[in-house]
Protein backbone atom coordinates (compact mmCIF):
# COMPACT_ATOMS: atom_id res chain seq x y z
CA MET A 1 7.91 -28.97 -45.98
CA ARG A 2 7.17 -30.36 -42.53
CA LYS A 3 10.56 -29.23 -41.25
CA LEU A 4 9.93 -25.70 -42.57
CA VAL A 5 6.52 -25.46 -40.84
CA LEU A 6 7.99 -26.84 -37.61
CA ALA A 7 10.87 -24.35 -37.77
CA LEU A 8 8.48 -21.45 -38.38
CA MET A 9 6.25 -22.53 -35.47
CA MET A 10 9.24 -22.75 -33.14
CA ALA A 11 10.39 -19.29 -34.25
CA VAL A 12 6.93 -17.85 -33.51
CA VAL A 13 6.85 -19.48 -30.06
CA ALA A 14 10.36 -18.18 -29.29
CA THR A 15 9.37 -14.66 -30.38
CA LEU A 16 6.24 -14.73 -28.23
CA GLY A 17 8.37 -15.78 -25.29
CA LEU A 18 10.34 -12.56 -25.68
CA VAL A 19 7.27 -10.35 -26.10
CA VAL A 20 4.90 -11.72 -23.45
CA PRO A 21 6.01 -10.75 -19.94
CA GLY A 22 6.36 -13.48 -17.37
CA THR A 23 5.33 -13.43 -13.74
CA ALA A 24 8.30 -11.24 -12.84
CA PHE A 25 6.48 -8.35 -14.50
CA ALA A 26 3.08 -9.06 -12.98
CA ALA A 27 1.30 -6.18 -11.27
CA VAL A 28 1.22 -6.15 -7.49
CA ASP A 29 -2.29 -6.47 -6.05
CA LEU A 30 -3.54 -3.64 -3.83
CA GLU A 31 -4.26 -4.89 -0.30
CA THR A 32 -7.16 -2.92 1.15
CA ASP A 33 -7.83 -3.14 4.88
CA TYR A 34 -10.52 -1.37 6.86
CA ALA A 35 -8.87 -0.56 10.17
CA LYS A 36 -10.00 -1.96 13.49
CA LEU A 37 -11.09 0.68 16.02
CA GLY A 38 -8.65 0.93 18.92
CA GLY A 39 -6.60 3.12 21.23
CA ALA A 40 -3.63 5.30 20.37
CA PRO A 41 -0.42 3.77 18.99
CA PRO A 42 2.31 2.69 21.41
CA ALA A 43 5.14 5.07 22.28
CA SER A 44 7.51 2.94 20.18
CA ALA A 45 5.61 3.74 16.96
CA GLY A 46 7.11 6.12 14.40
CA CYS A 47 4.67 8.82 13.33
CA ALA A 48 4.42 11.13 10.35
CA GLU A 49 3.79 14.82 10.97
CA PRO A 50 0.03 15.33 11.31
CA GLU A 51 -1.86 16.74 8.35
CA GLN A 52 -5.19 18.58 8.44
CA LYS A 53 -7.30 15.42 8.11
CA VAL A 54 -5.03 12.55 9.13
CA GLN A 55 -2.04 11.36 11.09
CA VAL A 56 -0.36 8.01 10.47
CA CYS A 57 1.94 6.01 12.73
CA TYR A 58 3.65 2.67 12.22
CA ASP A 59 4.73 0.24 14.94
CA ARG A 60 7.67 -1.86 13.65
CA ASP A 61 7.47 -4.22 16.63
CA GLY A 62 4.11 -5.56 15.49
CA ASP A 63 3.91 -4.40 11.86
CA VAL A 64 0.83 -2.36 12.74
CA TRP A 65 -0.40 0.79 11.00
CA TRP A 66 -2.24 3.36 13.13
CA VAL A 67 -4.45 5.93 11.40
CA LEU A 68 -6.00 8.93 13.18
CA ASP A 69 -9.01 10.66 11.60
CA ARG A 70 -8.44 14.32 12.50
CA ALA A 71 -11.36 16.00 10.70
CA GLU A 72 -15.06 16.18 11.44
CA ASP A 73 -16.22 15.48 7.92
CA SER A 74 -17.55 12.52 5.98
CA ALA A 75 -14.11 11.43 4.74
CA SER A 76 -12.16 8.42 5.99
CA ALA A 77 -8.49 8.86 6.96
CA LEU A 78 -6.00 6.44 5.40
CA VAL A 79 -2.44 5.51 4.64
CA ASP A 80 -1.28 4.32 1.22
CA TRP A 81 1.72 2.07 1.94
CA ARG A 82 4.34 0.49 -0.29
CA ASN A 83 6.64 -2.33 0.73
CA TYR A 84 9.93 -2.76 -1.17
CA ARG A 85 12.33 -5.71 -1.33
CA ASP A 86 15.55 -5.57 -3.34
CA ASP A 87 14.59 -2.04 -4.53
CA LYS A 88 11.39 -3.35 -6.16
CA ILE A 89 7.82 -2.94 -5.03
CA TYR A 90 6.82 -6.15 -3.30
CA ARG A 91 3.45 -5.27 -1.76
CA THR A 92 1.21 -2.24 -1.70
CA GLY A 93 -1.98 -1.40 0.13
CA LEU A 94 -4.32 0.89 2.00
CA CYS A 95 -5.26 1.03 5.67
CA ILE A 96 -8.53 2.96 5.96
CA ASN A 97 -9.99 4.37 9.19
CA SER A 98 -13.73 4.85 8.62
CA HIS A 99 -14.68 5.13 12.32
CA GLY A 100 -15.06 8.92 12.41
CA ALA A 101 -13.33 12.03 13.69
CA GLY A 102 -11.03 11.73 16.68
CA THR A 103 -10.59 7.96 16.40
CA TRP A 104 -7.45 5.87 16.08
CA ALA A 105 -7.78 2.63 14.15
CA SER A 106 -5.20 0.01 13.20
CA CYS A 107 -4.30 -2.51 10.51
CA ASN A 108 -2.11 -5.44 11.49
CA LYS A 109 0.24 -6.51 8.67
CA ASN A 110 3.30 -8.72 8.36
CA TYR A 111 6.39 -7.44 6.52
CA TYR A 112 9.92 -8.76 6.13
CA GLU A 113 12.16 -7.09 8.71
CA ASP A 114 14.80 -6.24 6.09
CA SER A 115 12.31 -4.61 3.71
CA GLU A 116 11.65 -0.92 3.12
CA LEU A 117 8.26 0.58 3.94
CA LYS A 118 6.95 3.96 2.76
CA GLY A 119 3.58 5.63 2.98
CA HIS A 120 1.46 8.63 2.09
CA GLN A 121 -1.17 10.03 4.43
CA GLY A 122 -4.53 10.67 2.82
CA TYR A 123 -8.30 10.64 2.97
CA TRP A 124 -11.27 9.46 0.99
CA ASP A 125 -14.88 10.69 0.97
CA ARG A 126 -16.67 7.79 -0.70
CA ASP A 127 -19.86 9.81 -1.19
CA LYS A 128 -18.10 12.64 -3.04
CA GLU A 129 -14.89 11.24 -4.53
CA LYS A 130 -14.18 8.27 -6.79
CA THR A 131 -10.61 7.93 -5.58
CA TRP A 132 -8.32 8.79 -2.70
CA THR A 133 -6.56 12.10 -2.01
CA PHE A 134 -3.00 12.05 -0.68
CA TYR A 135 -0.78 14.65 0.90
CA PRO A 136 2.48 15.04 -1.07
CA GLN A 137 4.97 14.05 1.65
CA ASP A 138 6.27 10.48 1.22
CA TRP A 139 7.21 9.06 4.63
CA ARG A 140 9.74 6.28 5.26
CA PHE A 141 8.60 4.06 8.12
CA GLN A 142 11.05 1.16 7.81
CA GLY A 143 14.30 0.38 6.04
């Protein structure tokens, strides 16, 4: 009887091991950074085409996002970025410029040089919207 119970317990544990995902399937945490007010991006930065409310640039030399708030409204300009390694999402985050219209602000990150980096330009009016709004164009900034 003991051997039967032990065998059944081992079978249950083995089955649970197949059903419960391990750390390889864990969700990637969203990194949220409020950008530091600063000057315009360097000439070496790659920039997305400006949208009505935002323009985003990325400087590969320093792994720095630059976000321009282009609209005189209460919304913050932002970039939603995704970092890929081996064709899988590795990191994801937001760089939010809440310094007002006409300002450039930056977020300093650190990515692997051989990784891929994509982003969407967007905005967020915290007083009126529960979530962010993004323009449809997906931009490739690295990789």
